[in-house]
Amino acid sequence: MKLADYLMDWRNVTQFQDRPVARELVLEVLNDAVWAPNHGLREPWRFVYVDQEGMQAMRQLQQPSPAHLLIIAKEDEDPHRRDEDLAAVCCLVANFELLAREKRLGTRRSMPDWIYDPELRKRFGIRPNERIAVVLDLGHIDPAADGTPAAADRISLELL
């Protein structure tokens, strides 16, 4: 499949298999995903992996899934670097989602309101100079019911 075809087929997974997601698989995907561009060659990210053992804290916060990955962005005091770093984190998220899909690991991306709650941030070990950029729900894609919604039509773009 060409990358362009793959991008057109890429959506949040809505249904996962009911089996654990190995921490090693997530690390394998992350180790490739971190090759995200950053002009300053910084690595402005950190990750919190929540599997079945730590799931109690997530049950009331997120839709059910076998695992969750909190992608944390470091917040530099310099606004230009902070924006550059957040852009790099967004690229890392896209890399992760594409690489995970290749391994039949589905993702569902969300930015729920609770990521701004100081008590919940503290519970997940989020430091004062960090923010939760995105929460990825993770699970193996069910081959019987792919779990992805149908593609939506896109508007053709024009350059001005």
C-alpha atoms as a PDB file:
ATOM      1  CA  MET A   1       0.000   0.000   0.000  1.00  0.00           C
ATOM      2  CA  LYS A   2       1.243   3.502  -0.820  1.00  0.00           C
ATOM      3  CA  LEU A   3       1.645   5.920   2.074  1.00  0.00           C
ATOM      4  CA  ALA A   4      -0.987   8.268   0.579  1.00  0.00           C
ATOM      5  CA  ASP A   5      -3.502   5.388   0.502  1.00  0.00           C
ATOM      6  CA  TYR A   6      -2.621   4.498   4.061  1.00  0.00           C
ATOM      7  CA  LEU A   7      -3.156   8.093   5.222  1.00  0.00           C
ATOM      8  CA  MET A   8      -6.598   8.180   3.620  1.00  0.00           C
ATOM      9  CA  ASP A   9      -7.524   5.001   5.521  1.00  0.00           C
ATOM     10  CA  TRP A  10      -6.166   6.226   8.865  1.00  0.00           C
ATOM     11  CA  ARG A  11      -8.752   6.929  11.556  1.00  0.00           C
ATOM     12  CA  ASN A  12      -9.267   6.392  15.268  1.00  0.00           C
ATOM     13  CA  VAL A  13     -10.042   2.769  16.105  1.00  0.00           C
ATOM     14  CA  THR A  14     -13.389   2.388  17.831  1.00  0.00           C
ATOM     15  CA  GLN A  15     -13.194  -1.302  18.768  1.00  0.00           C
ATOM     16  CA  PHE A  16     -10.261  -3.216  20.243  1.00  0.00           C
ATOM     17  CA  GLN A  17      -9.646  -6.885  20.966  1.00  0.00           C
ATOM     18  CA  ASP A  18     -10.002  -7.753  24.624  1.00  0.00           C
ATOM     19  CA  ARG A  19      -6.366  -8.645  25.267  1.00  0.00           C
ATOM     20  CA  PRO A  20      -3.454  -6.851  26.899  1.00  0.00           C
ATOM     21  CA  VAL A  21      -1.061  -4.600  25.013  1.00  0.00           C
ATOM     22  CA  ALA A  22       2.531  -5.531  25.811  1.00  0.00           C
ATOM     23  CA  ARG A  23       4.656  -2.725  27.204  1.00  0.00           C
ATOM     24  CA  GLU A  24       7.477  -3.979  24.948  1.00  0.00           C
ATOM     25  CA  LEU A  25       5.339  -3.447  21.833  1.00  0.00           C
ATOM     26  CA  VAL A  26       4.545   0.128  22.877  1.00  0.00           C
ATOM     27  CA  LEU A  27       8.259   0.783  23.547  1.00  0.00           C
ATOM     28  CA  GLU A  28       9.202  -0.690  20.171  1.00  0.00           C
ATOM     29  CA  VAL A  29       6.788   1.646  18.387  1.00  0.00           C
ATOM     30  CA  LEU A  30       7.859   4.637  20.518  1.00  0.00           C
ATOM     31  CA  ASN A  31      11.547   4.045  19.768  1.00  0.00           C
ATOM     32  CA  ASP A  32      10.789   4.519  16.077  1.00  0.00           C
ATOM     33  CA  ALA A  33       8.217   7.292  16.564  1.00  0.00           C
ATOM     34  CA  VAL A  34      10.665   9.570  18.388  1.00  0.00           C
ATOM     35  CA  TRP A  35      12.369  10.338  15.080  1.00  0.00           C
ATOM     36  CA  ALA A  36      10.061  13.340  14.863  1.00  0.00           C
ATOM     37  CA  PRO A  37      11.530  16.588  13.526  1.00  0.00           C
ATOM     38  CA  ASN A  38      12.656  19.232  15.970  1.00  0.00           C
ATOM     39  CA  HIS A  39      14.716  22.169  14.774  1.00  0.00           C
ATOM     40  CA  GLY A  40      16.619  22.371  18.066  1.00  0.00           C
ATOM     41  CA  LEU A  41      17.243  18.605  18.167  1.00  0.00           C
ATOM     42  CA  ARG A  42      15.461  18.507  21.513  1.00  0.00           C
ATOM     43  CA  GLU A  43      13.366  15.569  22.662  1.00  0.00           C
ATOM     44  CA  PRO A  44      10.544  17.461  24.394  1.00  0.00           C
ATOM     45  CA  TRP A  45       8.442  14.484  25.371  1.00  0.00           C
ATOM     46  CA  ARG A  46       7.830  11.961  28.063  1.00  0.00           C
ATOM     47  CA  PHE A  47       5.367   9.081  28.264  1.00  0.00           C
ATOM     48  CA  VAL A  48       3.120   7.561  30.903  1.00  0.00           C
ATOM     49  CA  TYR A  49       1.943   4.041  30.057  1.00  0.00           C
ATOM     50  CA  VAL A  50      -1.196   2.807  31.807  1.00  0.00           C
ATOM     51  CA  ASP A  51      -1.870  -0.899  31.419  1.00  0.00           C
ATOM     52  CA  GLN A  52      -4.348  -3.188  33.206  1.00  0.00           C
ATOM     53  CA  GLU A  53      -2.534  -2.790  36.555  1.00  0.00           C
ATOM     54  CA  GLY A  54      -2.913   1.006  36.569  1.00  0.00           C
ATOM     55  CA  MET A  55      -6.293   1.068  34.887  1.00  0.00           C
ATOM     56  CA  GLN A  56      -8.380   1.959  37.961  1.00  0.00           C
ATOM     57  CA  ALA A  57      -7.415   5.627  37.649  1.00  0.00           C
ATOM     58  CA  MET A  58      -8.417   5.659  33.970  1.00  0.00           C
ATOM     59  CA  ARG A  59     -11.735   3.792  34.135  1.00  0.00           C
ATOM     60  CA  GLN A  60     -13.780   6.873  34.948  1.00  0.00           C
ATOM     61  CA  LEU A  61     -11.757   9.196  32.722  1.00  0.00           C
ATOM     62  CA  GLN A  62     -11.507   7.466  29.347  1.00  0.00           C
ATOM     63  CA  GLN A  63     -13.423   5.103  27.125  1.00  0.00           C
ATOM     64  CA  PRO A  64     -12.432   1.498  27.853  1.00  0.00           C
ATOM     65  CA  SER A  65      -9.357   0.137  26.116  1.00  0.00           C
ATOM     66  CA  PRO A  66      -6.677  -2.411  27.001  1.00  0.00           C
ATOM     67  CA  ALA A  67      -4.050   0.321  27.601  1.00  0.00           C
ATOM     68  CA  HIS A  68      -3.526   4.075  27.524  1.00  0.00           C
ATOM     69  CA  LEU A  69      -0.494   6.165  26.653  1.00  0.00           C
ATOM     70  CA  LEU A  70      -0.258   9.708  27.960  1.00  0.00           C
ATOM     71  CA  ILE A  71       2.064  11.707  25.741  1.00  0.00           C
ATOM     72  CA  ILE A  72       3.592  14.496  27.767  1.00  0.00           C
ATOM     73  CA  ALA A  73       5.053  17.661  26.218  1.00  0.00           C
ATOM     74  CA  LYS A  74       7.700  19.631  28.042  1.00  0.00           C
ATOM     75  CA  GLU A  75       6.810  23.331  28.245  1.00  0.00           C
ATOM     76  CA  ASP A  76       9.835  25.548  27.697  1.00  0.00           C
ATOM     77  CA  GLU A  77       9.693  29.061  29.150  1.00  0.00           C
ATOM     78  CA  ASP A  78      10.635  30.489  25.746  1.00  0.00           C
ATOM     79  CA  PRO A  79       7.397  30.698  23.679  1.00  0.00           C
ATOM     80  CA  HIS A  80       9.149  30.021  20.364  1.00  0.00           C
ATOM     81  CA  ARG A  81      10.813  26.854  21.688  1.00  0.00           C
ATOM     82  CA  ARG A  82       7.572  25.816  23.407  1.00  0.00           C
ATOM     83  CA  ASP A  83       5.700  26.040  20.076  1.00  0.00           C
ATOM     84  CA  GLU A  84       8.476  24.194  18.228  1.00  0.00           C
ATOM     85  CA  ASP A  85       8.476  21.483  20.859  1.00  0.00           C
ATOM     86  CA  LEU A  86       4.690  21.035  20.773  1.00  0.00           C
ATOM     87  CA  ALA A  87       4.848  20.737  16.972  1.00  0.00           C
ATOM     88  CA  ALA A  88       7.500  18.023  17.364  1.00  0.00           C
ATOM     89  CA  VAL A  89       5.304  16.195  19.888  1.00  0.00           C
ATOM     90  CA  CYS A  90       2.416  16.315  17.399  1.00  0.00           C
ATOM     91  CA  CYS A  91       4.692  14.800  14.742  1.00  0.00           C
ATOM     92  CA  LEU A  92       5.684  12.081  17.216  1.00  0.00           C
ATOM     93  CA  VAL A  93       1.996  11.290  17.817  1.00  0.00           C
ATOM     94  CA  ALA A  94       1.385  10.954  14.064  1.00  0.00           C
ATOM     95  CA  ASN A  95       4.491   8.758  13.734  1.00  0.00           C
ATOM     96  CA  PHE A  96       3.308   6.574  16.620  1.00  0.00           C
ATOM     97  CA  GLU A  97      -0.172   6.131  15.173  1.00  0.00           C
ATOM     98  CA  LEU A  98       1.132   5.173  11.725  1.00  0.00           C
ATOM     99  CA  LEU A  99       3.773   2.795  13.091  1.00  0.00           C
ATOM    100  CA  ALA A 100       1.303   1.214  15.527  1.00  0.00           C
ATOM    101  CA  ARG A 101      -1.180   0.591  12.728  1.00  0.00           C
ATOM    102  CA  GLU A 102       1.513  -1.260  10.798  1.00  0.00           C
ATOM    103  CA  LYS A 103       1.713  -3.669  13.763  1.00  0.00           C
ATOM    104  CA  ARG A 104      -2.097  -4.005  13.982  1.00  0.00           C
ATOM    105  CA  LEU A 105      -2.077  -1.937  17.167  1.00  0.00           C
ATOM    106  CA  GLY A 106      -5.003   0.442  17.075  1.00  0.00           C
ATOM    107  CA  THR A 107      -5.091   3.927  18.569  1.00  0.00           C
ATOM    108  CA  ARG A 108      -7.851   6.262  19.601  1.00  0.00           C
ATOM    109  CA  ARG A 109      -6.649   9.836  20.164  1.00  0.00           C
ATOM    110  CA  SER A 110      -8.304  12.147  22.660  1.00  0.00           C
ATOM    111  CA  MET A 111      -7.763  15.391  24.565  1.00  0.00           C
ATOM    112  CA  PRO A 112     -10.338  15.095  27.336  1.00  0.00           C
ATOM    113  CA  ASP A 113     -11.059  17.891  29.800  1.00  0.00           C
ATOM    114  CA  TRP A 114      -9.454  16.007  32.697  1.00  0.00           C
ATOM    115  CA  ILE A 115      -5.941  16.590  31.282  1.00  0.00           C
ATOM    116  CA  TYR A 116      -6.166  20.121  32.729  1.00  0.00           C
ATOM    117  CA  ASP A 117      -7.234  19.023  36.228  1.00  0.00           C
ATOM    118  CA  PRO A 118      -4.340  19.726  38.668  1.00  0.00           C
ATOM    119  CA  GLU A 119      -5.195  16.780  40.957  1.00  0.00           C
ATOM    120  CA  LEU A 120      -5.373  14.271  38.104  1.00  0.00           C
ATOM    121  CA  ARG A 121      -2.200  15.684  36.567  1.00  0.00           C
ATOM    122  CA  LYS A 122      -0.483  15.130  39.903  1.00  0.00           C
ATOM    123  CA  ARG A 123      -1.846  11.563  40.111  1.00  0.00           C
ATOM    124  CA  PHE A 124      -0.177  10.741  36.788  1.00  0.00           C
ATOM    125  CA  GLY A 125       3.097  12.436  37.748  1.00  0.00           C
ATOM    126  CA  ILE A 126       2.773  15.429  35.416  1.00  0.00           C
ATOM    127  CA  ARG A 127       5.318  18.067  36.421  1.00  0.00           C
ATOM    128  CA  PRO A 128       4.627  21.831  36.558  1.00  0.00           C
ATOM    129  CA  ASN A 129       6.636  22.477  33.366  1.00  0.00           C
ATOM    130  CA  GLU A 130       4.758  19.795  31.383  1.00  0.00           C
ATOM    131  CA  ARG A 131       1.381  19.294  29.774  1.00  0.00           C
ATOM    132  CA  ILE A 132      -0.512  16.246  28.579  1.00  0.00           C
ATOM    133  CA  ALA A 133      -0.467  16.765  24.822  1.00  0.00           C
ATOM    134  CA  VAL A 134      -2.730  13.819  24.013  1.00  0.00           C
ATOM    135  CA  VAL A 135      -4.060  10.573  25.436  1.00  0.00           C
ATOM    136  CA  LEU A 136      -3.862   7.538  23.170  1.00  0.00           C
ATOM    137  CA  ASP A 137      -6.141   4.616  23.932  1.00  0.00           C
ATOM    138  CA  LEU A 138      -4.377   1.484  22.700  1.00  0.00           C
ATOM    139  CA  GLY A 139      -5.527  -1.981  21.737  1.00  0.00           C
ATOM    140  CA  HIS A 140      -5.041  -4.716  19.202  1.00  0.00           C
ATOM    141  CA  ILE A 141      -7.245  -4.235  16.153  1.00  0.00           C
ATOM    142  CA  ASP A 142      -9.930  -6.870  15.904  1.00  0.00           C
ATOM    143  CA  PRO A 143      -9.425  -8.524  12.496  1.00  0.00           C
ATOM    144  CA  ALA A 144     -13.064  -9.644  12.371  1.00  0.00           C
ATOM    145  CA  ALA A 145     -14.414  -6.139  12.958  1.00  0.00           C
ATOM    146  CA  ASP A 146     -11.620  -3.792  11.941  1.00  0.00           C
ATOM    147  CA  GLY A 147     -12.953  -1.232  14.401  1.00  0.00           C
ATOM    148  CA  THR A 148     -12.343   1.785  12.213  1.00  0.00           C
ATOM    149  CA  PRO A 149     -15.176   3.979  10.990  1.00  0.00           C
ATOM    150  CA  ALA A 150     -15.719   4.514   7.280  1.00  0.00           C
ATOM    151  CA  ALA A 151     -13.625   7.208   5.630  1.00  0.00           C
ATOM    152  CA  ALA A 152     -15.178  10.620   5.223  1.00  0.00           C
ATOM    153  CA  ASP A 153     -14.890  12.653   2.045  1.00  0.00           C
ATOM    154  CA  ARG A 154     -12.376  15.484   2.175  1.00  0.00           C
ATOM    155  CA  ILE A 155     -12.624  18.863   0.537  1.00  0.00           C
ATOM    156  CA  SER A 156     -10.109  19.427  -2.253  1.00  0.00           C
ATOM    157  CA  LEU A 157      -7.653  22.121  -1.313  1.00  0.00           C
ATOM    158  CA  GLU A 158      -6.418  25.081  -3.273  1.00  0.00           C
ATOM    159  CA  LEU A 159      -3.316  27.163  -2.678  1.00  0.00           C
ATOM    160  CA  LEU A 160      -3.794  30.910  -2.689  1.00  0.00           C
END
